Protein backbone atom coordinates (compact mmCIF):
# COMPACT_ATOMS: atom_id res chain seq x y z
CA MET A 1 30.01 -11.35 -13.49
CA CYS A 2 26.96 -8.81 -13.12
CA SER A 3 25.62 -9.68 -9.68
CA PRO A 4 21.53 -11.29 -9.37
CA LEU A 5 21.70 -9.37 -6.63
CA ARG A 6 23.21 -6.06 -7.60
CA PRO A 7 22.00 -3.16 -5.99
CA GLY A 8 19.30 -1.45 -6.58
CA THR A 9 16.74 -0.99 -4.32
CA ASN A 10 16.40 -2.71 -1.72
CA GLY A 11 13.07 -3.84 -2.26
CA ASP A 12 13.93 -5.71 -5.29
CA VAL A 13 16.60 -7.31 -3.49
CA LYS A 14 13.93 -8.30 -0.36
CA ASN A 15 11.96 -9.46 -3.60
CA VAL A 16 15.13 -12.36 -5.60
CA LEU A 17 15.38 -13.18 -1.65
CA GLU A 18 12.65 -14.00 -0.68
CA ARG A 19 11.90 -16.38 -4.45
CA ILE A 20 15.10 -17.62 -4.08
CA LEU A 21 14.17 -19.11 -0.90
CA ASN A 22 10.72 -20.70 -1.62
CA LEU A 23 12.16 -22.09 -4.29
CA LEU A 24 14.97 -23.32 -2.05
CA ALA A 25 11.83 -25.07 0.44
CA PHE A 26 9.57 -26.60 -2.56
CA LEU A 27 12.71 -28.20 -3.95
CA LEU A 28 13.97 -29.85 -1.04
CA THR A 29 10.60 -30.50 0.51
CA THR A 30 9.28 -32.63 -3.23
CA GLY A 31 11.60 -35.62 -3.04
CA ARG A 32 11.57 -36.01 -6.61
CA PRO A 33 12.56 -33.77 -10.43
CA VAL A 34 9.75 -30.35 -10.84
CA THR A 35 8.64 -29.37 -13.60
CA ALA A 36 9.97 -25.53 -14.35
CA ALA A 37 5.89 -24.95 -15.44
CA GLU A 38 4.80 -26.35 -11.42
CA ILE A 39 7.86 -24.35 -11.07
CA GLN A 40 6.43 -21.44 -12.35
CA THR A 41 3.08 -22.14 -10.56
CA THR A 42 3.68 -23.42 -7.55
CA VAL A 43 6.56 -20.92 -5.63
CA ALA A 44 5.28 -18.18 -4.60
CA GLY A 45 7.27 -14.78 -6.61
CA TYR A 46 7.28 -16.35 -9.94
CA ASP A 47 3.33 -17.56 -10.03
CA ARG A 48 2.41 -14.14 -11.86
CA SER A 49 5.11 -13.84 -14.25
CA SER A 50 4.47 -14.33 -17.83
CA PRO A 51 6.02 -16.99 -19.82
CA GLU A 52 9.36 -14.30 -20.53
CA ALA A 53 9.17 -12.70 -17.38
CA PHE A 54 9.48 -16.03 -16.26
CA HIS A 55 12.17 -17.00 -17.71
CA ARG A 56 14.60 -14.54 -17.07
CA MET A 57 14.17 -15.28 -13.79
CA PHE A 58 13.70 -18.91 -13.16
CA GLU A 59 17.41 -18.34 -15.64
CA ARG A 60 19.14 -15.52 -13.11
CA ASP A 61 17.84 -17.51 -10.31
CA LYS A 62 19.42 -21.32 -10.79
CA ASP A 63 22.92 -19.93 -11.64
CA LEU A 64 22.79 -18.28 -8.44
CA LEU A 65 22.02 -21.42 -6.36
CA ARG A 66 24.55 -23.42 -8.23
CA ARG A 67 26.72 -19.74 -7.27
CA LEU A 68 26.59 -20.03 -3.68
CA GLY A 69 26.75 -24.03 -4.43
CA ILE A 70 24.18 -25.70 -3.92
CA PRO A 71 23.84 -29.21 -6.02
CA LEU A 72 21.32 -28.03 -8.23
CA ARG A 73 20.85 -31.17 -11.21
CA THR A 74 18.39 -31.38 -13.25
CA ALA A 75 16.97 -35.17 -13.94
CA PRO A 76 13.74 -37.45 -15.64
CA THR A 77 10.82 -36.34 -14.03
CA ASP A 78 9.17 -39.97 -14.88
CA ARG A 79 10.87 -43.81 -15.95
CA TRP A 80 10.34 -43.10 -20.35
CA GLU A 81 12.58 -39.32 -19.55
CA VAL A 82 10.00 -37.71 -22.07
CA GLU A 83 10.86 -34.64 -19.69
CA ALA A 84 13.19 -33.17 -17.41
CA GLY A 85 12.77 -31.60 -14.28
CA TYR A 86 15.52 -29.91 -11.14
CA GLU A 87 16.20 -31.75 -7.44
CA ILE A 88 18.52 -30.42 -5.04
CA PRO A 89 20.30 -34.23 -4.08
CA PRO A 90 20.66 -33.86 -0.21
CA ASP A 91 23.22 -36.35 0.05
CA GLN A 92 25.00 -33.09 -1.60
CA TYR A 93 23.16 -30.95 0.04
CA ARG A 94 22.99 -31.44 3.75
CA LEU A 95 26.01 -30.01 6.24
CA PRO A 96 27.93 -33.21 7.47
CA ASP A 97 28.92 -33.10 10.65
CA PRO A 98 31.96 -31.62 11.76
CA ASP A 99 32.72 -32.95 14.43
CA LEU A 100 34.11 -30.02 16.48
CA THR A 101 35.66 -29.93 19.58
CA ASP A 102 34.27 -27.96 23.40
CA GLU A 103 36.31 -25.20 22.48
CA GLU A 104 35.73 -25.29 19.13
CA ARG A 105 31.37 -24.60 19.91
CA ALA A 106 31.98 -22.02 22.31
CA ALA A 107 33.53 -20.11 19.82
CA LEU A 108 31.37 -20.64 17.39
CA TRP A 109 28.87 -19.56 20.12
CA LEU A 110 30.00 -16.46 20.85
CA ALA A 111 30.62 -15.53 16.99
CA ALA A 112 26.94 -15.92 16.76
CA GLN A 113 26.44 -13.79 20.07
CA VAL A 114 28.66 -10.45 18.83
CA VAL A 115 27.45 -9.26 15.85
CA ARG A 116 23.25 -7.97 16.15
CA ILE A 117 21.01 -7.07 13.50
CA GLY A 118 18.16 -5.35 14.28
CA GLY A 119 19.62 -5.53 18.47
CA ARG A 120 18.99 -9.09 18.39
CA PRO A 121 21.71 -11.23 18.36
CA SER A 122 21.31 -14.22 16.62
CA GLY A 123 19.93 -17.52 17.14
CA PRO A 124 21.33 -20.45 18.43
CA GLU A 125 19.33 -22.33 16.82
CA ALA A 126 21.90 -23.06 13.71
CA ILE A 127 24.58 -24.05 17.01
CA LEU A 128 23.07 -26.16 17.96
CA LYS A 129 22.95 -28.15 14.64
CA LEU A 130 26.58 -28.20 15.03
CA GLY A 131 26.65 -29.71 18.73
CA GLY A 132 26.75 -26.39 19.99
CA ALA A 133 24.98 -25.15 23.93
CA ARG A 134 25.74 -21.83 25.73
CA THR A 135 28.70 -21.80 27.40
CA THR A 136 29.94 -18.31 27.39
CA SER A 137 27.47 -15.00 28.89
CA GLY A 138 28.62 -12.27 29.79
CA VAL A 139 29.76 -11.10 26.15
CA GLU A 140 26.79 -7.80 26.00
CA PRO A 141 29.94 -5.15 25.62
CA LEU A 142 31.84 -7.31 22.54
CA THR A 143 28.48 -6.69 20.60
CA ALA A 144 27.93 -5.08 17.82
CA ASP A 145 24.64 -4.03 16.93
CA LEU A 146 24.46 -4.11 12.79
CA GLY A 147 20.72 -2.09 13.26
CA ALA A 148 19.96 -0.12 10.80
CA ASP A 149 22.37 -0.07 8.86
CA ALA A 150 22.06 -3.91 8.33
CA ASP A 151 21.09 -2.82 4.46
CA ARG A 152 23.38 -0.37 3.97
CA LEU A 153 25.98 -2.88 4.94
CA ALA A 154 24.64 -5.03 2.37
CA ASP A 155 24.23 -2.20 -0.34
CA LEU A 156 27.66 -1.15 -0.01
CA PHE A 157 29.38 -4.68 0.40
CA ALA A 158 28.42 -5.30 -3.15
CA ALA A 159 29.46 -2.06 -4.40
CA ILE A 160 32.91 -3.14 -2.95
CA THR A 161 32.55 -6.87 -4.48
CA GLU A 162 31.65 -5.66 -7.58
CA ARG A 163 33.88 -1.84 -7.86
CA ARG A 164 30.72 -0.22 -7.85
CA ARG A 165 30.89 3.95 -7.09
CA VAL A 166 28.26 5.68 -4.56
CA ARG A 167 27.06 8.76 -3.96
CA PHE A 168 25.53 9.15 -0.53
CA VAL A 169 25.63 13.21 1.31
CA TYR A 170 27.71 13.49 4.43
CA HIS A 171 28.28 16.69 6.12
CA ASP A 172 25.87 18.22 4.21
CA ARG A 173 27.46 17.10 0.72
CA VAL A 174 27.47 14.87 -1.64
CA ARG A 175 30.33 13.03 -1.79
CA SER A 176 31.07 10.13 -4.72
CA VAL A 177 32.86 7.45 -3.78
CA GLU A 178 35.20 4.48 -4.49
CA PRO A 179 34.41 1.81 -1.43
CA HIS A 180 37.07 0.24 -0.60
CA GLY A 181 36.17 -1.61 2.50
CA LEU A 182 33.83 -1.91 5.87
CA GLY A 183 35.37 -2.35 9.16
CA HIS A 184 33.86 -1.98 12.48
CA ARG A 185 35.10 0.52 15.41
CA ARG A 186 33.71 1.65 18.59
CA GLY A 187 30.50 1.03 18.10
CA HIS A 188 30.06 1.76 13.93
CA TRP A 189 30.57 0.75 10.80
CA TYR A 190 32.51 3.19 8.99
CA LEU A 191 32.95 2.82 4.82
CA VAL A 192 36.48 2.53 3.57
CA GLY A 193 37.02 5.03 0.51
CA VAL A 194 38.63 7.34 -1.80
CA GLU A 195 37.23 10.33 -2.92
CA SER A 196 38.52 13.17 -5.60
CA ASP A 197 41.98 10.57 -4.80
CA ALA A 198 41.82 11.19 -1.82
CA GLU A 199 41.72 8.10 1.24
CA ARG A 200 38.63 8.86 3.32
CA VAL A 201 36.72 7.07 6.56
CA TYR A 202 33.61 7.22 6.45
CA ARG A 203 30.30 6.41 9.79
CA LEU A 204 27.86 4.40 7.45
CA ASP A 205 24.88 5.88 10.56
CA ARG A 206 26.06 9.66 9.37
CA MET A 207 25.59 8.98 5.50
CA GLY A 208 22.65 10.00 3.51
CA GLY A 209 20.54 9.19 0.69
CA LEU A 210 23.36 6.54 -0.17
CA ALA A 211 23.24 5.68 -3.60
CA ILE A 212 25.00 2.71 -5.61
CA GLY A 213 26.29 3.34 -9.59
CA GLU A 214 25.06 0.65 -11.73
CA THR A 215 28.88 0.36 -13.71
CA ALA A 216 30.44 -2.81 -12.49
CA ASP A 217 34.49 -2.75 -12.37
CA ALA A 218 34.09 1.41 -12.64
CA PHE A 219 37.69 1.53 -10.47
CA HIS A 220 40.86 -0.10 -9.36
CA LYS A 221 41.92 -1.02 -5.77
CA ARG A 222 44.05 2.13 -5.00
CA PRO A 223 47.28 -0.31 -4.35
CA GLY A 224 48.39 -0.82 -0.38
CA LEU A 225 44.89 1.05 0.86
CA THR A 226 43.35 -1.35 2.78
CA VAL A 227 40.53 -0.81 6.46
CA ASP A 228 42.91 -1.23 8.35
CA GLY A 229 45.49 0.95 8.11
CA ALA A 230 43.06 4.01 7.47
CA MET A 231 41.05 3.34 10.08
CA ALA A 232 44.57 2.83 12.37
CA SER A 233 44.59 6.48 13.77
CA HIS A 234 41.78 8.28 15.79
CA PRO A 235 38.95 10.44 14.71
CA TRP A 236 40.11 13.20 17.95
CA GLU A 237 43.50 12.88 15.65
CA ALA A 238 41.45 14.07 12.23
CA GLY A 239 41.18 17.75 11.70
CA GLY A 240 42.47 20.93 10.55
CA GLY A 241 42.08 22.41 14.21
CA SER A 242 44.66 23.58 16.62
CA VAL A 243 46.54 20.93 18.96
CA VAL A 244 44.79 20.45 22.45
CA GLU A 245 46.62 17.57 25.45
CA VAL A 246 43.41 17.00 26.98
CA THR A 247 44.37 14.22 29.69
CA VAL A 248 41.57 11.26 30.73
CA VAL A 249 41.39 8.75 34.12
CA PHE A 250 40.13 5.46 33.16
CA ASP A 251 38.24 3.66 36.43
CA PRO A 252 39.99 -0.17 36.70
CA GLU A 253 36.55 -1.49 35.46
CA ALA A 254 36.66 0.30 32.36
CA ALA A 255 41.03 0.34 32.07
CA TRP A 256 41.33 -2.68 30.46
CA TRP A 257 38.90 -1.51 26.79
CA ALA A 258 40.14 1.76 26.81
CA ALA A 259 43.40 0.83 26.51
CA LYS A 260 42.84 -1.90 22.85
CA ARG A 261 40.62 1.03 21.71
CA LEU A 262 43.84 3.20 22.29
CA GLY A 263 46.23 0.88 21.32
CA ASP A 264 50.03 2.48 22.18
CA VAL A 265 49.46 5.93 22.98
CA THR A 266 52.39 7.90 24.59
CA GLY A 267 51.25 9.39 27.81
CA ARG A 268 49.82 6.54 29.41
CA VAL A 269 50.28 5.47 33.33
CA GLU A 270 48.67 2.42 34.34
CA ARG A 271 47.85 3.75 38.08
CA GLU A 272 48.69 0.58 41.01
CA ASP A 273 44.78 0.83 41.62
CA GLY A 274 44.65 -0.72 38.39
CA SER A 275 43.12 2.55 36.19
CA LEU A 276 44.29 4.06 33.21
CA GLU A 277 45.65 7.42 33.28
CA VAL A 278 46.00 8.98 29.08
CA THR A 279 47.03 12.44 27.77
CA LEU A 280 45.97 12.82 24.17
CA GLU A 281 46.05 15.56 21.48
CA VAL A 282 42.93 16.47 20.05
CA ARG A 283 41.81 17.97 17.09
CA HIS A 284 38.86 16.74 16.75
CA MET A 285 36.91 18.07 20.04
CA ASP A 286 33.29 17.11 18.58
CA ALA A 287 34.84 13.30 17.78
CA PHE A 288 37.33 13.20 21.21
CA LEU A 289 33.28 14.00 23.22
CA GLY A 290 31.24 11.15 21.89
CA TRP A 291 33.90 8.77 22.04
CA VAL A 292 34.81 9.80 26.32
CA LEU A 293 31.21 9.76 26.82
CA SER A 294 30.75 6.45 25.66
CA PHE A 295 32.09 5.10 28.13
CA GLY A 296 29.98 6.89 31.09
CA ALA A 297 30.92 7.42 34.37
CA ALA A 298 33.82 5.49 34.24
CA ALA A 299 35.92 8.44 31.98
CA GLU A 300 36.58 11.51 34.18
CA VAL A 301 38.67 14.11 31.84
CA VAL A 302 40.90 15.97 34.84
CA SER A 303 42.21 18.68 32.63
CA PRO A 304 42.15 21.01 30.86
CA GLU A 305 39.14 23.05 32.07
CA VAL A 306 37.81 24.31 28.74
CA VAL A 307 37.30 19.85 27.70
CA ARG A 308 35.33 19.11 31.05
CA ALA A 309 33.64 22.09 30.81
CA LYS A 310 32.80 20.66 27.32
CA ILE A 311 31.70 17.39 28.98
CA VAL A 312 29.36 19.10 31.79
CA ALA A 313 26.93 21.03 28.74
CA ARG A 314 26.54 17.68 26.92
CA ILE A 315 25.34 15.84 29.49
CA LEU A 316 23.45 18.37 30.95
CA ALA A 317 21.98 18.56 26.79
CA VAL A 318 21.11 15.18 27.11
CA SER A 319 19.60 14.81 30.30
CA ALA A 320 17.79 18.14 29.41
């Protein structure tokens, strides 16, 4: 079934969301069944529409509320039951106390903090309503900033679930892709998909001109293609360039994080001082340089000298 929030423009999605929230707030605060006529004249988003347009929008919105699990029902507006109205029973809508343990509340707080939208962590209000309180600190290295990718993520997520092809510009070329999944790695979001019958991975912040196809169920999911599997390799291992063996040393405070991000790589030596030395086979030099520089001063390229020079040139170019 086609979703009422099928992506068109960001403005379309925003208008629907605002109208749904206005409708939900109105139904929860009136304390009585309200007629469709009252909703049209009172709820922002409906008030300027024609009767025909209101009927279409309201039917879609009612369907969406019910699909979201919100118990919208009809009930008589008076004792004579001449006219029916709409209401949301508070006892069926209200979240029961989940009786979380201290450990479960701490885990929820951490989960709310590590994902950011627009550079800001999630507000504490939802966790506090569940009996939670801030019990953790120092989670900055784990954060995933959605930033400007938030709208693009929503559009791509809808395209994946509804199996709609997507088009965008990537590395100066228009791509037509069957989207299969989204993944987050090293501070960036990636789309895993199929282009020209080949499995590909695309970084979201490098996409341009994203367009979502109009046809739902336009392709079949490829068996065996998973986000984890597609992103298992490192970006500097891809490409057709010649292999360059590069040795990097990570300071003790960054060694654990580097080890986690590298996984089981060969040429890995854990030093007595807690630092980590690894030797990597690099085919895509730009991808490798960007990754090493993300560690700042906590990572040093030891060899070869030509790669050290590239690192220095990158740093000087940024600071110039």
